[in-house]
Amino acid sequence: MRVLKKKDLWYSVVGGAALATGGGGAPATYDQFNEVIDPIIENGGKLRLINTFSIPDDELIFINAGVG
């Protein structure tokens, strides 16, 4: 497990938008990103990068994805 800083997560959003769309995608703006992430951090949420094999088979996970 690796604890991520807010900056790390932002960079992954920008990089993911570029890679997932072949370079033609546009990520959320930094203000939009802050609107989602800041309340999570303020309420004690931890940003972590984990090994997916560490998730139990009966655990529920949420993946936020946009299509179209």
PDB file of N, CA and C in Angstrom:
ATOM      1  N   MET A   1       0.835  -1.172   0.000  1.00  0.00           N
ATOM      2  CA  MET A   1       0.000   0.000   0.000  1.00  0.00           C
ATOM      3  C   MET A   1       0.884   1.241   0.000  1.00  0.00           C
ATOM      4  N   ARG A   2       0.450   2.219  -0.727  1.00  0.00           N
ATOM      5  CA  ARG A   2       1.157   3.499  -0.756  1.00  0.00           C
ATOM      6  C   ARG A   2       0.146   4.609  -0.501  1.00  0.00           C
ATOM      7  N   VAL A   3       0.432   5.475   0.446  1.00  0.00           N
ATOM      8  CA  VAL A   3      -0.426   6.622   0.710  1.00  0.00           C
ATOM      9  C   VAL A   3      -0.132   7.679  -0.345  1.00  0.00           C
ATOM     10  N   LEU A   4      -1.185   8.188  -0.975  1.00  0.00           N
ATOM     11  CA  LEU A   4      -1.034   9.177  -2.025  1.00  0.00           C
ATOM     12  C   LEU A   4      -1.308  10.570  -1.490  1.00  0.00           C
ATOM     13  N   LYS A   5      -0.594  11.509  -2.019  1.00  0.00           N
ATOM     14  CA  LYS A   5      -0.879  12.912  -1.737  1.00  0.00           C
ATOM     15  C   LYS A   5      -1.900  13.383  -2.769  1.00  0.00           C
ATOM     16  N   LYS A   6      -2.564  14.470  -2.468  1.00  0.00           N
ATOM     17  CA  LYS A   6      -3.555  15.017  -3.389  1.00  0.00           C
ATOM     18  C   LYS A   6      -2.926  15.280  -4.758  1.00  0.00           C
ATOM     19  N   LYS A   7      -1.711  15.772  -4.754  1.00  0.00           N
ATOM     20  CA  LYS A   7      -0.990  16.057  -5.999  1.00  0.00           C
ATOM     21  C   LYS A   7      -0.819  14.774  -6.824  1.00  0.00           C
ATOM     22  N   ASP A   8      -0.511  13.661  -6.156  1.00  0.00           N
ATOM     23  CA  ASP A   8      -0.354  12.384  -6.863  1.00  0.00           C
ATOM     24  C   ASP A   8      -1.646  11.991  -7.575  1.00  0.00           C
ATOM     25  N   LEU A   9      -2.756  12.161  -6.882  1.00  0.00           N
ATOM     26  CA  LEU A   9      -4.040  11.802  -7.461  1.00  0.00           C
ATOM     27  C   LEU A   9      -4.374  12.703  -8.647  1.00  0.00           C
ATOM     28  N   TRP A  10      -4.098  13.989  -8.520  1.00  0.00           N
ATOM     29  CA  TRP A  10      -4.351  14.918  -9.631  1.00  0.00           C
ATOM     30  C   TRP A  10      -3.537  14.523 -10.860  1.00  0.00           C
ATOM     31  N   TYR A  11      -2.261  14.201 -10.645  1.00  0.00           N
ATOM     32  CA  TYR A  11      -1.418  13.792 -11.765  1.00  0.00           C
ATOM     33  C   TYR A  11      -1.955  12.526 -12.420  1.00  0.00           C
ATOM     34  N   SER A  12      -2.522  11.629 -11.647  1.00  0.00           N
ATOM     35  CA  SER A  12      -3.075  10.402 -12.228  1.00  0.00           C
ATOM     36  C   SER A  12      -4.329  10.703 -13.046  1.00  0.00           C
ATOM     37  N   VAL A  13      -5.108  11.689 -12.629  1.00  0.00           N
ATOM     38  CA  VAL A  13      -6.294  12.097 -13.395  1.00  0.00           C
ATOM     39  C   VAL A  13      -5.866  12.660 -14.748  1.00  0.00           C
ATOM     40  N   VAL A  14      -4.903  13.550 -14.733  1.00  0.00           N
ATOM     41  CA  VAL A  14      -4.430  14.161 -15.977  1.00  0.00           C
ATOM     42  C   VAL A  14      -3.779  13.103 -16.873  1.00  0.00           C
ATOM     43  N   GLY A  15      -2.919  12.285 -16.318  1.00  0.00           N
ATOM     44  CA  GLY A  15      -2.254  11.241 -17.101  1.00  0.00           C
ATOM     45  C   GLY A  15      -3.228  10.207 -17.631  1.00  0.00           C
ATOM     46  N   GLY A  16      -4.202   9.830 -16.798  1.00  0.00           N
ATOM     47  CA  GLY A  16      -5.200   8.863 -17.237  1.00  0.00           C
ATOM     48  C   GLY A  16      -6.045   9.388 -18.385  1.00  0.00           C
ATOM     49  N   ALA A  17      -6.377  10.661 -18.349  1.00  0.00           N
ATOM     50  CA  ALA A  17      -7.166  11.251 -19.437  1.00  0.00           C
ATOM     51  C   ALA A  17      -6.378  11.213 -20.741  1.00  0.00           C
ATOM     52  N   ALA A  18      -5.097  11.495 -20.673  1.00  0.00           N
ATOM     53  CA  ALA A  18      -4.277  11.487 -21.887  1.00  0.00           C
ATOM     54  C   ALA A  18      -4.092  10.073 -22.419  1.00  0.00           C
ATOM     55  N   LEU A  19      -3.808   9.125 -21.537  1.00  0.00           N
ATOM     56  CA  LEU A  19      -3.548   7.755 -21.981  1.00  0.00           C
ATOM     57  C   LEU A  19      -4.816   7.035 -22.415  1.00  0.00           C
ATOM     58  N   ALA A  20      -5.908   7.250 -21.704  1.00  0.00           N
ATOM     59  CA  ALA A  20      -7.141   6.524 -21.998  1.00  0.00           C
ATOM     60  C   ALA A  20      -7.793   6.977 -23.293  1.00  0.00           C
ATOM     61  N   THR A  21      -7.446   8.151 -23.765  1.00  0.00           N
ATOM     62  CA  THR A  21      -8.086   8.681 -24.968  1.00  0.00           C
ATOM     63  C   THR A  21      -7.104   8.855 -26.120  1.00  0.00           C
ATOM     64  N   GLY A  22      -5.920   8.330 -25.988  1.00  0.00           N
ATOM     65  CA  GLY A  22      -4.931   8.487 -27.048  1.00  0.00           C
ATOM     66  C   GLY A  22      -4.407   9.905 -27.161  1.00  0.00           C
ATOM     67  N   GLY A  23      -4.527  10.669 -26.094  1.00  0.00           N
ATOM     68  CA  GLY A  23      -4.007  12.023 -26.078  1.00  0.00           C
ATOM     69  C   GLY A  23      -5.035  13.095 -26.393  1.00  0.00           C
ATOM     70  N   GLY A  24      -6.264  12.686 -26.736  1.00  0.00           N
ATOM     71  CA  GLY A  24      -7.253  13.674 -27.123  1.00  0.00           C
ATOM     72  C   GLY A  24      -8.284  14.001 -26.063  1.00  0.00           C
ATOM     73  N   GLY A  25      -8.136  13.428 -24.879  1.00  0.00           N
ATOM     74  CA  GLY A  25      -9.140  13.640 -23.844  1.00  0.00           C
ATOM     75  C   GLY A  25      -8.853  14.843 -22.982  1.00  0.00           C
ATOM     76  N   ALA A  26      -9.878  15.298 -22.319  1.00  0.00           N
ATOM     77  CA  ALA A  26      -9.729  16.424 -21.407  1.00  0.00           C
ATOM     78  C   ALA A  26     -10.167  15.982 -20.024  1.00  0.00           C
ATOM     79  N   PRO A  27      -9.273  16.067 -19.041  1.00  0.00           N
ATOM     80  CA  PRO A  27      -9.664  15.704 -17.682  1.00  0.00           C
ATOM     81  C   PRO A  27     -10.559  16.784 -17.085  1.00  0.00           C
ATOM     82  N   ALA A  28     -11.078  16.487 -15.923  1.00  0.00           N
ATOM     83  CA  ALA A  28     -11.804  17.503 -15.168  1.00  0.00           C
ATOM     84  C   ALA A  28     -10.859  18.673 -14.916  1.00  0.00           C
ATOM     85  N   THR A  29     -11.418  19.844 -14.697  1.00  0.00           N
ATOM     86  CA  THR A  29     -10.575  20.973 -14.323  1.00  0.00           C
ATOM     87  C   THR A  29     -10.072  20.768 -12.903  1.00  0.00           C
ATOM     88  N   TYR A  30      -9.059  21.506 -12.530  1.00  0.00           N
ATOM     89  CA  TYR A  30      -8.525  21.377 -11.174  1.00  0.00           C
ATOM     90  C   TYR A  30      -9.572  21.796 -10.144  1.00  0.00           C
ATOM     91  N   ASP A  31     -10.388  22.784 -10.484  1.00  0.00           N
ATOM     92  CA  ASP A  31     -11.466  23.194  -9.574  1.00  0.00           C
ATOM     93  C   ASP A  31     -12.497  22.083  -9.398  1.00  0.00           C
ATOM     94  N   GLN A  32     -12.865  21.401 -10.482  1.00  0.00           N
ATOM     95  CA  GLN A  32     -13.807  20.279 -10.390  1.00  0.00           C
ATOM     96  C   GLN A  32     -13.210  19.150  -9.556  1.00  0.00           C
ATOM     97  N   PHE A  33     -11.948  18.873  -9.775  1.00  0.00           N
ATOM     98  CA  PHE A  33     -11.233  17.851  -9.002  1.00  0.00           C
ATOM     99  C   PHE A  33     -11.284  18.193  -7.513  1.00  0.00           C
ATOM    100  N   ASN A  34     -10.997  19.453  -7.181  1.00  0.00           N
ATOM    101  CA  ASN A  34     -11.018  19.882  -5.781  1.00  0.00           C
ATOM    102  C   ASN A  34     -12.398  19.735  -5.151  1.00  0.00           C
ATOM    103  N   GLU A  35     -13.447  20.009  -5.913  1.00  0.00           N
ATOM    104  CA  GLU A  35     -14.807  19.887  -5.389  1.00  0.00           C
ATOM    105  C   GLU A  35     -15.118  18.462  -4.942  1.00  0.00           C
ATOM    106  N   VAL A  36     -14.526  17.490  -5.603  1.00  0.00           N
ATOM    107  CA  VAL A  36     -14.758  16.086  -5.258  1.00  0.00           C
ATOM    108  C   VAL A  36     -13.801  15.621  -4.166  1.00  0.00           C
ATOM    109  N   ILE A  37     -12.539  15.955  -4.287  1.00  0.00           N
ATOM    110  CA  ILE A  37     -11.507  15.419  -3.400  1.00  0.00           C
ATOM    111  C   ILE A  37     -11.444  16.120  -2.054  1.00  0.00           C
ATOM    112  N   ASP A  38     -11.585  17.431  -2.026  1.00  0.00           N
ATOM    113  CA  ASP A  38     -11.439  18.167  -0.762  1.00  0.00           C
ATOM    114  C   ASP A  38     -12.377  17.676   0.338  1.00  0.00           C
ATOM    115  N   PRO A  39     -13.676  17.450   0.061  1.00  0.00           N
ATOM    116  CA  PRO A  39     -14.539  16.944   1.139  1.00  0.00           C
ATOM    117  C   PRO A  39     -14.110  15.567   1.651  1.00  0.00           C
ATOM    118  N   ILE A  40     -13.591  14.742   0.775  1.00  0.00           N
ATOM    119  CA  ILE A  40     -13.121  13.413   1.197  1.00  0.00           C
ATOM    120  C   ILE A  40     -11.953  13.559   2.159  1.00  0.00           C
ATOM    121  N   ILE A  41     -10.993  14.402   1.796  1.00  0.00           N
ATOM    122  CA  ILE A  41      -9.817  14.623   2.642  1.00  0.00           C
ATOM    123  C   ILE A  41     -10.220  15.286   3.953  1.00  0.00           C
ATOM    124  N   GLU A  42     -11.109  16.273   3.880  1.00  0.00           N
ATOM    125  CA  GLU A  42     -11.541  16.987   5.082  1.00  0.00           C
ATOM    126  C   GLU A  42     -12.286  16.087   6.059  1.00  0.00           C
ATOM    127  N   ASN A  43     -12.927  15.037   5.551  1.00  0.00           N
ATOM    128  CA  ASN A  43     -13.642  14.093   6.414  1.00  0.00           C
ATOM    129  C   ASN A  43     -12.788  12.900   6.818  1.00  0.00           C
ATOM    130  N   GLY A  44     -11.467  13.021   6.630  1.00  0.00           N
ATOM    131  CA  GLY A  44     -10.544  11.981   7.085  1.00  0.00           C
ATOM    132  C   GLY A  44     -10.270  10.879   6.094  1.00  0.00           C
ATOM    133  N   GLY A  45     -10.762  11.023   4.881  1.00  0.00           N
ATOM    134  CA  GLY A  45     -10.515   9.999   3.866  1.00  0.00           C
ATOM    135  C   GLY A  45      -9.039   9.910   3.528  1.00  0.00           C
ATOM    136  N   LYS A  46      -8.577   8.706   3.284  1.00  0.00           N
ATOM    137  CA  LYS A  46      -7.178   8.463   2.924  1.00  0.00           C
ATOM    138  C   LYS A  46      -7.100   8.067   1.464  1.00  0.00           C
ATOM    139  N   LEU A  47      -6.172   8.637   0.756  1.00  0.00           N
ATOM    140  CA  LEU A  47      -5.937   8.303  -0.646  1.00  0.00           C
ATOM    141  C   LEU A  47      -4.820   7.272  -0.673  1.00  0.00           C
ATOM    142  N   ARG A  48      -5.175   6.043  -1.073  1.00  0.00           N
ATOM    143  CA  ARG A  48      -4.192   4.966  -1.032  1.00  0.00           C
ATOM    144  C   ARG A  48      -4.168   4.200  -2.339  1.00  0.00           C
ATOM    145  N   LEU A  49      -3.001   3.801  -2.734  1.00  0.00           N
ATOM    146  CA  LEU A  49      -2.816   2.919  -3.871  1.00  0.00           C
ATOM    147  C   LEU A  49      -2.572   1.535  -3.284  1.00  0.00           C
ATOM    148  N   ILE A  50      -3.441   0.587  -3.605  1.00  0.00           N
ATOM    149  CA  ILE A  50      -3.322  -0.739  -3.005  1.00  0.00           C
ATOM    150  C   ILE A  50      -3.186  -1.808  -4.081  1.00  0.00           C
ATOM    151  N   ASN A  51      -2.718  -2.946  -3.668  1.00  0.00           N
ATOM    152  CA  ASN A  51      -2.658  -4.116  -4.529  1.00  0.00           C
ATOM    153  C   ASN A  51      -4.066  -4.705  -4.593  1.00  0.00           C
ATOM    154  N   THR A  52      -4.623  -4.842  -5.787  1.00  0.00           N
ATOM    155  CA  THR A  52      -5.996  -5.346  -5.906  1.00  0.00           C
ATOM    156  C   THR A  52      -6.151  -6.765  -5.369  1.00  0.00           C
ATOM    157  N   PHE A  53      -5.076  -7.515  -5.310  1.00  0.00           N
ATOM    158  CA  PHE A  53      -5.156  -8.867  -4.764  1.00  0.00           C
ATOM    159  C   PHE A  53      -5.389  -8.861  -3.256  1.00  0.00           C
ATOM    160  N   SER A  54      -5.207  -7.708  -2.614  1.00  0.00           N
ATOM    161  CA  SER A  54      -5.440  -7.614  -1.169  1.00  0.00           C
ATOM    162  C   SER A  54      -6.914  -7.376  -0.834  1.00  0.00           C
ATOM    163  N   ILE A  55      -7.754  -7.172  -1.842  1.00  0.00           N
ATOM    164  CA  ILE A  55      -9.183  -6.952  -1.618  1.00  0.00           C
ATOM    165  C   ILE A  55      -9.872  -8.310  -1.496  1.00  0.00           C
ATOM    166  N   PRO A  56     -10.572  -8.542  -0.400  1.00  0.00           N
ATOM    167  CA  PRO A  56     -11.282  -9.831  -0.249  1.00  0.00           C
ATOM    168  C   PRO A  56     -12.314 -10.030  -1.363  1.00  0.00           C
ATOM    169  N   ASP A  57     -12.550 -11.281  -1.723  1.00  0.00           N
ATOM    170  CA  ASP A  57     -13.479 -11.591  -2.810  1.00  0.00           C
ATOM    171  C   ASP A  57     -14.897 -11.088  -2.545  1.00  0.00           C
ATOM    172  N   ASP A  58     -15.291 -11.006  -1.281  1.00  0.00           N
ATOM    173  CA  ASP A  58     -16.657 -10.589  -0.962  1.00  0.00           C
ATOM    174  C   ASP A  58     -16.768  -9.091  -0.645  1.00  0.00           C
ATOM    175  N   GLU A  59     -15.696  -8.341  -0.875  1.00  0.00           N
ATOM    176  CA  GLU A  59     -15.689  -6.902  -0.602  1.00  0.00           C
ATOM    177  C   GLU A  59     -16.308  -6.141  -1.771  1.00  0.00           C
ATOM    178  N   LEU A  60     -17.008  -5.066  -1.464  1.00  0.00           N
ATOM    179  CA  LEU A  60     -17.562  -4.199  -2.493  1.00  0.00           C
ATOM    180  C   LEU A  60     -16.602  -3.046  -2.746  1.00  0.00           C
ATOM    181  N   ILE A  61     -16.437  -2.691  -4.011  1.00  0.00           N
ATOM    182  CA  ILE A  61     -15.600  -1.551  -4.364  1.00  0.00           C
ATOM    183  C   ILE A  61     -16.387  -0.647  -5.313  1.00  0.00           C
ATOM    184  N   PHE A  62     -16.002   0.610  -5.362  1.00  0.00           N
ATOM    185  CA  PHE A  62     -16.645   1.574  -6.242  1.00  0.00           C
ATOM    186  C   PHE A  62     -15.621   2.093  -7.222  1.00  0.00           C
ATOM    187  N   ILE A  63     -15.984   2.072  -8.481  1.00  0.00           N
ATOM    188  CA  ILE A  63     -15.127   2.614  -9.527  1.00  0.00           C
ATOM    189  C   ILE A  63     -15.926   3.673 -10.265  1.00  0.00           C
ATOM    190  N   ASN A  64     -15.427   4.886 -10.236  1.00  0.00           N
ATOM    191  CA  ASN A  64     -16.089   5.990 -10.928  1.00  0.00           C
ATOM    192  C   ASN A  64     -15.498   6.092 -12.318  1.00  0.00           C
ATOM    193  N   ALA A  65     -16.327   5.869 -13.342  1.00  0.00           N
ATOM    194  CA  ALA A  65     -15.828   5.926 -14.709  1.00  0.00           C
ATOM    195  C   ALA A  65     -16.835   6.641 -15.590  1.00  0.00           C
ATOM    196  N   GLY A  66     -16.324   7.376 -16.543  1.00  0.00           N
ATOM    197  CA  GLY A  66     -17.194   8.056 -17.491  1.00  0.00           C
ATOM    198  C   GLY A  66     -16.996   7.474 -18.870  1.00  0.00           C
ATOM    199  N   VAL A  67     -18.065   7.338 -19.614  1.00  0.00           N
ATOM    200  CA  VAL A  67     -17.988   6.800 -20.958  1.00  0.00           C
ATOM    201  C   VAL A  67     -18.761   7.739 -21.887  1.00  0.00           C
ATOM    202  N   GLY A  68     -18.172   8.000 -23.024  1.00  0.00           N
ATOM    203  CA  GLY A  68     -18.904   8.789 -24.008  1.00  0.00           C
ATOM    204  C   GLY A  68     -18.405  10.102 -24.172  1.00  0.00           C
TER     205      GLY A  68
END
